[in-house]
Amino acid sequence: MVGNLQTASPGFHVSLGERATRIEKCGVSFAFRHFLALLSSLVFLTACSDFMSPVKETPAPTEYQFNYWLLNRTYLFEDELDKLDPDGDSVQALYKVLDDPYTRYVPPSKSEAATQQMNTSIVEGDLGMEYMLAPDEEHPLFVYRVYPESPAAKAGVPRYGNIISINGREITDIADMAVYDSIVEQTKKITLKIAIDDSIHTYKMKKETIYAPTVFVDTIDGMEYIQITEFKLTTLDQKDGSLGELRSHLDSTSDVKDVRVLDLRNNPGGHVSQCVGMADLFVKKGMLSSRHWRSFNGEGKAIHFNDKRYATTGDPGENGKFLILVNRNSASCAEIFTSAVTELAPIPVVGQTTFGKGIGQTTWNTKDGALAIITNLEFITPKGSSYNKTGIEPDYPCDSFESIYDCVADAAKSEFGKKKSGKASILPRMKIIPKKRSIGGAHTESEDDISYFSNKVSLTEE
């Protein structure tokens, strides 16, 4: 997948296209297109000829040399570059000498799975449901969520149903969670007995590969909570991802005047284009995101870029009443979203100080088909503040999980005069056991595959 941040200069792209066209006209292999992009000295290929003088080929770079070259030109923390050994042979060791824990090398054997995890919400072999725990109940597992279009949804599994048994094995103790998980993981066909409304029903399902949603809506104590679990390019909305999911809900509820909560607790982040686009849904005007990053130009020289993204007006969340709910595990892209919305809307923040990851990574495909995930971006809030390693402090601090919904209700009352509902929801009394999610982050992808560094390219230093 190709993103939109890490770009070469416009001149580079023109040069590459022109040279590729000329090469193809001369009958030279298409594989040389990328090679020629950085070898501007090979001007002899600009015209067709029946004869070409032999040219001595440059030795092909190794995977180690390629990654060494890339780190030297993109890694954000330049004072660490002296740690890199130009003559090593272990790519993993090359990355491990750096202090940044987010900069890493994913070998070819794992690159496809890692790319899928970063870009999509695909869950392979799943029922499409999540459960929650009520420790004091005789049957402690309850259905927490059922994903649309999933096997559980097709079977009619009811939300908040009490799970009595799975494949004939009764669930009567907290320890049975492990049994439940094991059966779901290892068995393709699942039969659940679920109690709902004082009756027990049987649901038969067959696991499928599904696209999980990343935006969920609940009503808790009379207030709507819109939970955003991650920022993904491809989700249940396979066209617009998390942004499409949120926009769709806001469009369908544009006439709602009540206070609503944007719940980003435990959101680890995701793609920058998604969290910035989703922040724009609530902001009429202003600079949503400011960032600078380190990359290279068409000649392979390391340079610094700066970029600002601005809000556009006319989006469905701009006139609503909202609060943002965060905790210590709200990180990276979740913090980009939070800082943009709270500083520009403004929408107040409730909860705990966020994680404090104001840096981001660009993903590069290497010459051997691996992934180089390199920290090369730093983000600044619309008002010019850095939150890296410090986090974003809430307007209404609340450190207690047990009282978090009371904190939200108090904040709503203070900001909007919203009174707490007298009807308590089932959700605050339950311990939610969420699906395992991705590592999050604030990701971008190189605009080009950088496969133009073919086996012929010499990766020389600046």
Protein backbone atom coordinates (compact mmCIF):
# COMPACT_ATOMS: atom_id res chain seq x y z
CA MET A 1 0.00 0.00 0.00
CA VAL A 2 1.24 3.44 -0.81
CA GLY A 3 0.80 6.52 1.31
CA ASN A 4 1.22 10.22 0.74
CA LEU A 5 3.89 11.64 3.01
CA GLN A 6 7.35 10.46 2.13
CA THR A 7 7.82 11.81 -1.38
CA ALA A 8 10.74 12.46 -3.63
CA SER A 9 11.00 15.80 -5.35
CA PRO A 10 8.68 16.51 -8.32
CA GLY A 11 11.70 16.65 -10.58
CA PHE A 12 12.58 13.10 -9.67
CA HIS A 13 9.23 11.74 -10.80
CA VAL A 14 9.38 13.59 -14.12
CA SER A 15 12.90 12.34 -14.70
CA LEU A 16 11.95 8.77 -13.90
CA GLY A 17 8.97 8.80 -16.26
CA GLU A 18 10.91 10.38 -19.11
CA ARG A 19 13.81 7.99 -18.79
CA ALA A 20 11.56 4.96 -18.53
CA THR A 21 9.78 5.97 -21.74
CA ARG A 22 13.05 6.41 -23.58
CA ILE A 23 14.40 3.13 -22.34
CA GLU A 24 11.29 1.22 -23.42
CA LYS A 25 11.53 2.79 -26.87
CA CYS A 26 15.09 1.55 -27.16
CA GLY A 27 14.06 -1.95 -26.21
CA VAL A 28 15.92 -1.87 -22.90
CA SER A 29 14.45 -3.92 -20.05
CA PHE A 30 11.72 -2.24 -17.95
CA ALA A 31 13.58 -3.38 -14.84
CA PHE A 32 16.12 -0.64 -15.41
CA ARG A 33 13.59 2.18 -14.86
CA HIS A 34 14.19 2.46 -11.16
CA PHE A 35 17.88 1.94 -11.53
CA LEU A 36 18.21 4.96 -13.81
CA ALA A 37 16.30 7.27 -11.47
CA LEU A 38 19.33 7.81 -9.28
CA LEU A 39 21.98 7.41 -11.96
CA SER A 40 21.57 10.67 -13.79
CA SER A 41 25.01 10.32 -15.27
CA LEU A 42 23.78 7.66 -17.69
CA VAL A 43 22.66 10.25 -20.22
CA PHE A 44 23.73 8.08 -23.08
CA LEU A 45 20.39 6.28 -22.81
CA THR A 46 18.38 9.33 -23.83
CA ALA A 47 18.45 8.47 -27.52
CA CYS A 48 18.03 5.24 -29.48
CA SER A 49 21.05 3.70 -31.08
CA ASP A 50 22.05 0.48 -32.74
CA PHE A 51 25.21 0.45 -30.64
CA MET A 52 25.95 1.18 -27.00
CA SER A 53 29.38 1.13 -25.48
CA PRO A 54 29.69 -1.38 -22.65
CA VAL A 55 29.42 0.15 -19.18
CA LYS A 56 30.89 -1.42 -16.09
CA GLU A 57 28.07 -2.44 -13.73
CA THR A 58 28.08 -1.36 -10.11
CA PRO A 59 27.95 -4.31 -7.68
CA ALA A 60 24.51 -5.01 -6.29
CA PRO A 61 23.96 -3.76 -2.73
CA THR A 62 23.20 -6.28 -0.04
CA GLU A 63 20.07 -6.06 2.11
CA TYR A 64 22.31 -4.79 4.91
CA GLN A 65 23.79 -2.02 2.73
CA PHE A 66 20.34 -1.04 1.55
CA ASN A 67 19.00 -0.64 5.11
CA TYR A 68 22.16 1.14 6.26
CA TRP A 69 21.70 3.62 3.42
CA LEU A 70 18.00 4.09 4.20
CA LEU A 71 18.51 4.64 7.93
CA ASN A 72 21.19 7.23 7.29
CA ARG A 73 18.79 9.24 5.16
CA THR A 74 15.50 8.88 7.02
CA TYR A 75 16.03 8.15 10.74
CA LEU A 76 14.82 11.14 12.76
CA PHE A 77 17.41 11.09 15.54
CA GLU A 78 20.52 11.95 13.56
CA ASP A 79 22.82 12.00 16.59
CA GLU A 80 22.48 8.21 16.76
CA LEU A 81 23.60 7.51 13.20
CA ASP A 82 27.23 7.10 14.24
CA LYS A 83 26.17 3.89 16.00
CA LEU A 84 25.44 2.24 12.65
CA ASP A 85 28.15 -0.10 11.39
CA PRO A 86 28.67 0.35 7.63
CA ASP A 87 30.39 -3.04 7.34
CA GLY A 88 28.02 -5.30 9.28
CA ASP A 89 26.02 -8.23 7.96
CA SER A 90 23.05 -8.63 10.37
CA VAL A 91 20.18 -6.32 9.45
CA GLN A 92 18.41 -7.01 12.76
CA ALA A 93 21.58 -6.04 14.64
CA LEU A 94 21.78 -2.85 12.57
CA TYR A 95 18.39 -1.73 13.85
CA LYS A 96 18.91 -2.86 17.43
CA VAL A 97 21.77 -0.43 18.07
CA LEU A 98 19.30 2.46 17.77
CA ASP A 99 17.52 3.73 20.89
CA ASP A 100 14.12 4.24 19.29
CA PRO A 101 11.91 1.21 20.06
CA TYR A 102 9.57 1.89 17.14
CA THR A 103 12.23 1.67 14.44
CA ARG A 104 12.43 -1.94 13.38
CA TYR A 105 13.06 -4.40 10.57
CA VAL A 106 10.44 -6.95 9.58
CA PRO A 107 12.01 -9.83 7.60
CA PRO A 108 10.51 -10.91 4.27
CA SER A 109 8.84 -13.97 5.79
CA LYS A 110 6.74 -11.74 8.06
CA SER A 111 6.32 -8.63 5.93
CA GLU A 112 3.00 -9.56 4.33
CA ALA A 113 1.36 -10.32 7.69
CA ALA A 114 2.78 -7.13 9.21
CA THR A 115 1.49 -5.03 6.31
CA GLN A 116 -1.97 -6.54 6.67
CA GLN A 117 -1.98 -5.87 10.40
CA MET A 118 -0.95 -2.24 10.00
CA ASN A 119 -3.30 -1.42 7.14
CA THR A 120 -6.43 -3.48 7.73
CA SER A 121 -8.73 -4.77 10.45
CA ILE A 122 -8.86 -8.25 8.90
CA VAL A 123 -9.32 -11.05 11.44
CA GLU A 124 -8.67 -14.49 10.01
CA GLY A 125 -10.84 -17.39 11.16
CA ASP A 126 -13.16 -15.60 13.56
CA LEU A 127 -16.77 -15.52 14.75
CA GLY A 128 -16.99 -11.74 14.68
CA MET A 129 -17.97 -11.25 18.30
CA GLU A 130 -16.39 -10.07 21.54
CA TYR A 131 -17.28 -11.07 25.06
CA MET A 132 -17.17 -9.41 28.46
CA LEU A 133 -16.78 -10.73 31.96
CA ALA A 134 -19.24 -10.55 34.86
CA PRO A 135 -17.23 -12.30 37.61
CA ASP A 136 -20.12 -12.70 40.06
CA GLU A 137 -22.47 -14.40 37.61
CA GLU A 138 -23.02 -18.18 37.43
CA HIS A 139 -22.07 -18.04 33.75
CA PRO A 140 -19.55 -15.19 33.69
CA LEU A 141 -19.19 -14.59 29.94
CA PHE A 142 -21.53 -12.22 28.14
CA VAL A 143 -21.63 -11.29 24.47
CA TYR A 144 -20.25 -7.77 24.33
CA ARG A 145 -20.31 -7.00 20.61
CA VAL A 146 -21.41 -8.66 17.40
CA TYR A 147 -19.75 -7.42 14.22
CA PRO A 148 -21.97 -6.68 11.22
CA GLU A 149 -21.79 -9.24 8.40
CA SER A 150 -19.90 -11.69 10.65
CA PRO A 151 -20.76 -15.36 11.31
CA ALA A 152 -22.18 -14.35 14.70
CA ALA A 153 -24.37 -11.69 13.10
CA LYS A 154 -25.59 -14.09 10.42
CA ALA A 155 -26.47 -16.64 13.10
CA GLY A 156 -28.44 -14.02 15.06
CA VAL A 157 -26.28 -14.03 18.21
CA PRO A 158 -27.81 -11.42 20.57
CA ARG A 159 -25.78 -8.71 22.21
CA TYR A 160 -25.50 -9.05 26.02
CA GLY A 161 -26.54 -12.68 25.80
CA ASN A 162 -25.17 -14.87 28.57
CA ILE A 163 -22.87 -17.62 27.17
CA ILE A 164 -23.95 -20.92 28.75
CA SER A 165 -21.76 -23.33 26.77
CA ILE A 166 -19.50 -23.68 23.74
CA ASN A 167 -19.46 -26.92 21.73
CA GLY A 168 -21.09 -28.69 24.68
CA ARG A 169 -18.57 -27.40 27.25
CA GLU A 170 -20.36 -25.41 29.97
CA ILE A 171 -18.86 -22.05 30.94
CA THR A 172 -19.30 -21.70 34.70
CA ASP A 173 -16.09 -20.14 35.97
CA ILE A 174 -13.66 -17.34 35.13
CA ALA A 175 -11.06 -20.02 34.43
CA ASP A 176 -13.31 -21.26 31.62
CA MET A 177 -12.34 -18.19 29.60
CA ALA A 178 -9.20 -20.06 28.58
CA VAL A 179 -11.31 -23.05 27.53
CA TYR A 180 -13.61 -20.81 25.50
CA ASP A 181 -10.69 -19.09 23.77
CA SER A 182 -9.00 -22.40 23.01
CA ILE A 183 -12.11 -23.89 21.41
CA VAL A 184 -12.72 -20.79 19.30
CA GLU A 185 -9.09 -20.73 18.18
CA GLN A 186 -8.77 -24.42 17.32
CA THR A 187 -12.25 -25.33 16.04
CA LYS A 188 -13.78 -24.19 12.77
CA LYS A 189 -17.42 -24.95 13.61
CA ILE A 190 -18.79 -23.44 16.82
CA THR A 191 -22.06 -24.06 18.66
CA LEU A 192 -23.01 -21.63 21.41
CA LYS A 193 -25.84 -21.84 23.88
CA ILE A 194 -26.80 -18.36 24.97
CA ALA A 195 -29.36 -17.20 27.51
CA ILE A 196 -31.30 -14.05 26.68
CA ASP A 197 -34.60 -12.79 28.11
CA ASP A 198 -34.94 -15.82 30.42
CA SER A 199 -34.65 -18.32 27.59
CA ILE A 200 -31.77 -20.32 26.14
CA HIS A 201 -31.08 -20.47 22.39
CA THR A 202 -28.57 -22.41 20.31
CA TYR A 203 -26.46 -20.70 17.63
CA LYS A 204 -24.36 -22.60 15.12
CA MET A 205 -21.56 -20.82 13.29
CA LYS A 206 -18.63 -21.47 11.00
CA LYS A 207 -15.59 -19.22 11.36
CA GLU A 208 -14.68 -16.87 8.52
CA THR A 209 -12.10 -14.25 7.70
CA ILE A 210 -13.78 -10.93 8.44
CA TYR A 211 -13.20 -7.20 8.40
CA ALA A 212 -13.72 -5.99 11.95
CA PRO A 213 -15.28 -2.57 12.61
CA THR A 214 -13.16 0.08 14.32
CA VAL A 215 -16.00 2.43 15.31
CA PHE A 216 -18.62 1.23 17.82
CA VAL A 217 -21.58 3.01 19.38
CA ASP A 218 -22.97 2.38 22.88
CA THR A 219 -25.37 4.20 25.16
CA ILE A 220 -24.07 4.38 28.73
CA ASP A 221 -26.03 6.12 31.47
CA GLY A 222 -28.15 7.84 28.84
CA MET A 223 -25.18 9.18 26.86
CA GLU A 224 -23.91 8.01 23.47
CA TYR A 225 -20.33 6.74 23.43
CA ILE A 226 -18.61 6.51 20.05
CA GLN A 227 -15.61 4.29 20.57
CA ILE A 228 -12.79 4.49 18.02
CA THR A 229 -10.54 1.49 18.57
CA GLU A 230 -7.94 2.16 15.84
CA PHE A 231 -7.29 4.20 12.70
CA LYS A 232 -7.15 1.74 9.80
CA LEU A 233 -7.09 2.20 6.03
CA THR A 234 -9.35 -0.80 5.35
CA THR A 235 -11.99 -1.98 7.82
CA LEU A 236 -15.65 -2.98 7.70
CA ASP A 237 -15.76 0.03 5.39
CA GLN A 238 -13.43 -1.39 2.77
CA LYS A 239 -13.32 1.85 0.80
CA ASP A 240 -12.62 4.56 3.37
CA GLY A 241 -11.63 2.57 6.47
CA SER A 242 -12.10 4.00 9.95
CA LEU A 243 -12.77 7.44 8.50
CA GLY A 244 -15.64 6.04 6.46
CA GLU A 245 -17.12 4.26 9.49
CA LEU A 246 -17.10 7.42 11.62
CA ARG A 247 -18.35 9.68 8.85
CA SER A 248 -21.21 7.29 8.12
CA HIS A 249 -22.36 7.32 11.74
CA LEU A 250 -22.12 11.10 12.03
CA ASP A 251 -24.01 11.56 8.77
CA SER A 252 -26.82 9.31 9.98
CA THR A 253 -27.07 11.11 13.34
CA SER A 254 -26.50 14.70 12.23
CA ASP A 255 -29.70 15.86 13.92
CA VAL A 256 -28.63 14.61 17.38
CA LYS A 257 -28.40 17.52 19.83
CA ASP A 258 -27.39 15.58 22.93
CA VAL A 259 -23.86 15.40 24.32
CA ARG A 260 -21.84 12.54 22.85
CA VAL A 261 -18.50 11.02 23.85
CA LEU A 262 -15.64 10.21 21.48
CA ASP A 263 -14.03 7.32 23.33
CA LEU A 264 -10.36 6.81 22.45
CA ARG A 265 -9.37 4.79 25.49
CA ASN A 266 -6.80 2.11 24.64
CA ASN A 267 -6.59 3.34 21.05
CA PRO A 268 -2.94 2.69 20.02
CA GLY A 269 -3.10 4.76 16.84
CA GLY A 270 -2.84 3.86 13.17
CA HIS A 271 -2.54 5.70 9.88
CA VAL A 272 -1.96 9.45 9.93
CA SER A 273 -4.26 10.06 6.96
CA GLN A 274 -7.07 8.43 8.92
CA CYS A 275 -6.73 10.22 12.25
CA VAL A 276 -6.22 13.63 10.61
CA GLY A 277 -9.19 13.05 8.31
CA MET A 278 -11.36 11.98 11.24
CA ALA A 279 -10.34 15.04 13.26
CA ASP A 280 -11.44 17.19 10.31
CA LEU A 281 -15.00 15.89 10.76
CA PHE A 282 -15.25 17.98 13.95
CA VAL A 283 -13.20 21.05 13.04
CA LYS A 284 -14.45 23.92 10.87
CA LYS A 285 -11.15 25.61 10.17
CA GLY A 286 -7.54 25.76 11.25
CA MET A 287 -4.35 23.72 10.99
CA LEU A 288 -5.15 20.16 12.05
CA SER A 289 -1.63 18.79 12.03
CA SER A 290 1.91 20.09 11.73
CA ARG A 291 4.77 17.71 11.23
CA HIS A 292 8.31 17.61 10.02
CA TRP A 293 10.16 14.59 8.80
CA ARG A 294 13.45 13.41 7.43
CA SER A 295 13.70 11.69 4.08
CA PHE A 296 15.65 12.00 0.81
CA ASN A 297 15.25 13.66 -2.55
CA GLY A 298 15.58 12.27 -6.05
CA GLU A 299 19.35 12.39 -5.88
CA GLY A 300 19.37 10.34 -2.68
CA LYS A 301 20.38 13.24 -0.45
CA ALA A 302 18.92 13.40 3.06
CA ILE A 303 16.75 16.48 3.54
CA HIS A 304 14.04 17.70 5.93
CA PHE A 305 10.43 18.24 4.94
CA ASN A 306 7.60 20.12 6.64
CA ASP A 307 3.90 19.66 6.16
CA LYS A 308 0.68 21.16 7.50
CA ARG A 309 -2.83 19.83 7.06
CA TYR A 310 -5.84 22.16 7.28
CA ALA A 311 -9.47 21.56 8.10
CA THR A 312 -12.26 21.90 5.57
CA THR A 313 -15.71 23.09 6.59
CA GLY A 314 -19.06 21.40 6.14
CA ASP A 315 -18.49 18.10 7.96
CA PRO A 316 -21.16 16.38 10.10
CA GLY A 317 -19.44 16.65 13.48
CA GLU A 318 -18.78 20.38 13.42
CA ASN A 319 -21.98 21.49 15.14
CA GLY A 320 -22.46 18.70 17.65
CA LYS A 321 -21.77 18.56 21.39
CA PHE A 322 -18.88 16.23 22.13
CA LEU A 323 -16.40 15.20 24.79
CA ILE A 324 -13.22 13.19 24.20
CA LEU A 325 -12.43 10.34 26.60
CA VAL A 326 -8.82 9.11 26.81
CA ASN A 327 -6.55 7.11 29.09
CA ARG A 328 -2.84 6.32 29.41
CA ASN A 329 -3.06 3.89 26.49
CA SER A 330 -4.40 6.48 24.06
CA ALA A 331 -1.34 6.92 21.87
CA SER A 332 0.20 8.27 18.70
CA CYS A 333 -2.51 8.79 16.07
CA ALA A 334 -5.08 8.94 18.87
CA GLU A 335 -3.09 11.88 20.25
CA ILE A 336 -2.95 13.58 16.85
CA PHE A 337 -6.74 13.31 16.71
CA THR A 338 -7.20 14.49 20.31
CA SER A 339 -4.89 17.50 20.07
CA ALA A 340 -6.46 18.67 16.80
CA VAL A 341 -10.05 18.38 17.98
CA THR A 342 -9.58 19.74 21.48
CA GLU A 343 -7.49 22.75 20.38
CA LEU A 344 -9.55 23.72 17.35
CA ALA A 345 -13.16 22.71 17.97
CA PRO A 346 -12.77 23.07 20.96
CA ILE A 347 -13.95 19.81 22.50
CA PRO A 348 -12.86 19.13 26.10
CA VAL A 349 -10.90 16.04 27.13
CA VAL A 350 -11.84 13.76 30.02
CA GLY A 351 -9.80 10.96 31.58
CA GLN A 352 -6.07 10.41 32.05
CA THR A 353 -2.96 11.95 30.54
CA THR A 354 -2.32 10.19 27.24
CA PHE A 355 0.67 7.99 26.37
CA GLY A 356 2.90 10.67 24.87
CA LYS A 357 4.05 9.41 21.47
CA GLY A 358 4.51 12.44 19.26
CA ILE A 359 6.67 10.69 16.68
CA GLY A 360 5.69 8.56 13.70
CA GLN A 361 7.07 5.93 11.36
CA THR A 362 7.24 5.50 7.62
CA THR A 363 7.15 1.98 6.20
CA TRP A 364 9.49 1.16 3.32
CA ASN A 365 9.58 -1.98 1.20
CA THR A 366 13.19 -3.13 1.00
CA LYS A 367 15.00 -4.68 -1.95
CA ASP A 368 14.53 -8.20 -0.52
CA GLY A 369 10.82 -7.74 0.22
CA ALA A 370 11.19 -6.95 3.92
CA LEU A 371 9.77 -3.91 5.74
CA ALA A 372 11.89 -1.10 7.12
CA ILE A 373 9.74 0.71 9.67
CA ILE A 374 11.67 3.84 10.56
CA THR A 375 10.85 6.72 12.90
CA ASN A 376 11.31 9.80 10.77
CA LEU A 377 8.38 12.09 11.73
CA GLU A 378 7.60 14.39 14.62
CA PHE A 379 4.14 15.87 15.22
CA ILE A 380 3.21 19.21 16.78
CA THR A 381 -0.24 20.22 18.04
CA PRO A 382 -2.17 22.98 16.21
CA LYS A 383 -1.04 25.46 18.87
CA GLY A 384 2.60 24.49 18.44
CA SER A 385 3.13 22.19 21.42
CA SER A 386 5.02 18.91 21.50
CA TYR A 387 3.50 16.07 23.53
CA ASN A 388 6.19 13.47 22.88
CA LYS A 389 7.07 11.68 26.15
CA THR A 390 4.70 13.96 28.09
CA GLY A 391 1.24 13.20 26.70
CA ILE A 392 -1.88 15.33 26.48
CA GLU A 393 -3.39 16.35 29.80
CA PRO A 394 -7.18 16.17 30.14
CA ASP A 395 -9.35 19.16 30.94
CA TYR A 396 -11.26 16.95 33.38
CA PRO A 397 -8.79 14.51 35.02
CA CYS A 398 -10.12 11.18 36.22
CA ASP A 399 -7.80 8.34 37.22
CA SER A 400 -10.33 5.86 38.57
CA PHE A 401 -11.86 3.28 36.24
CA GLU A 402 -14.80 2.79 38.59
CA SER A 403 -15.76 6.47 38.48
CA ILE A 404 -14.93 7.26 34.86
CA TYR A 405 -18.56 7.46 33.76
CA ASP A 406 -19.34 9.80 36.65
CA CYS A 407 -16.40 11.97 35.51
CA VAL A 408 -17.82 12.08 32.01
CA ALA A 409 -21.28 12.98 33.34
CA ASP A 410 -19.80 15.77 35.50
CA ALA A 411 -17.83 17.14 32.55
CA ALA A 412 -20.97 17.07 30.37
CA LYS A 413 -22.88 18.93 33.03
CA SER A 414 -20.13 21.52 33.44
CA GLU A 415 -19.70 22.11 29.69
CA PHE A 416 -23.23 21.71 28.39
CA GLY A 417 -25.55 21.56 31.39
CA LYS A 418 -26.22 17.89 30.67
CA LYS A 419 -27.75 16.07 33.67
CA LYS A 420 -26.79 12.50 34.47
CA SER A 421 -29.36 9.90 33.49
CA GLY A 422 -31.08 8.05 36.31
CA LYS A 423 -30.88 4.80 34.37
CA ALA A 424 -27.61 2.92 34.80
CA SER A 425 -26.18 0.88 31.94
CA ILE A 426 -24.99 -2.70 32.21
CA LEU A 427 -21.64 -1.82 30.65
CA PRO A 428 -19.88 -0.02 33.54
CA ARG A 429 -20.44 -3.03 35.78
CA MET A 430 -18.68 -5.43 33.44
CA LYS A 431 -15.02 -6.08 32.75
CA ILE A 432 -14.59 -5.96 29.00
CA ILE A 433 -12.24 -8.47 27.40
CA PRO A 434 -11.42 -6.84 24.05
CA LYS A 435 -10.09 -8.42 20.92
CA LYS A 436 -6.33 -8.33 20.54
CA ARG A 437 -5.52 -5.38 18.33
CA SER A 438 -2.50 -4.16 16.43
CA ILE A 439 0.53 -2.28 17.67
CA GLY A 440 -0.97 1.01 16.53
CA GLY A 441 1.43 3.92 16.03
CA ALA A 442 1.30 6.86 13.64
CA HIS A 443 2.09 5.27 10.30
CA THR A 444 2.70 6.59 6.85
CA GLU A 445 4.01 4.70 3.85
CA SER A 446 6.62 5.70 1.33
CA GLU A 447 4.97 7.13 -1.75
CA ASP A 448 7.18 4.95 -3.87
CA ASP A 449 8.06 1.34 -3.35
CA ILE A 450 11.70 2.44 -3.63
CA SER A 451 12.22 -0.59 -5.76
CA TYR A 452 14.03 1.87 -8.01
CA PHE A 453 17.03 0.83 -5.94
CA SER A 454 17.53 -2.21 -8.14
CA ASN A 455 20.34 -4.68 -7.82
CA LYS A 456 22.44 -2.39 -9.99
CA VAL A 457 22.39 0.67 -7.72
CA SER A 458 25.36 1.78 -5.70
CA LEU A 459 24.13 3.16 -2.36
CA THR A 460 26.79 5.76 -1.81
CA GLU A 461 26.97 8.10 1.14
CA GLU A 462 25.99 11.75 0.93
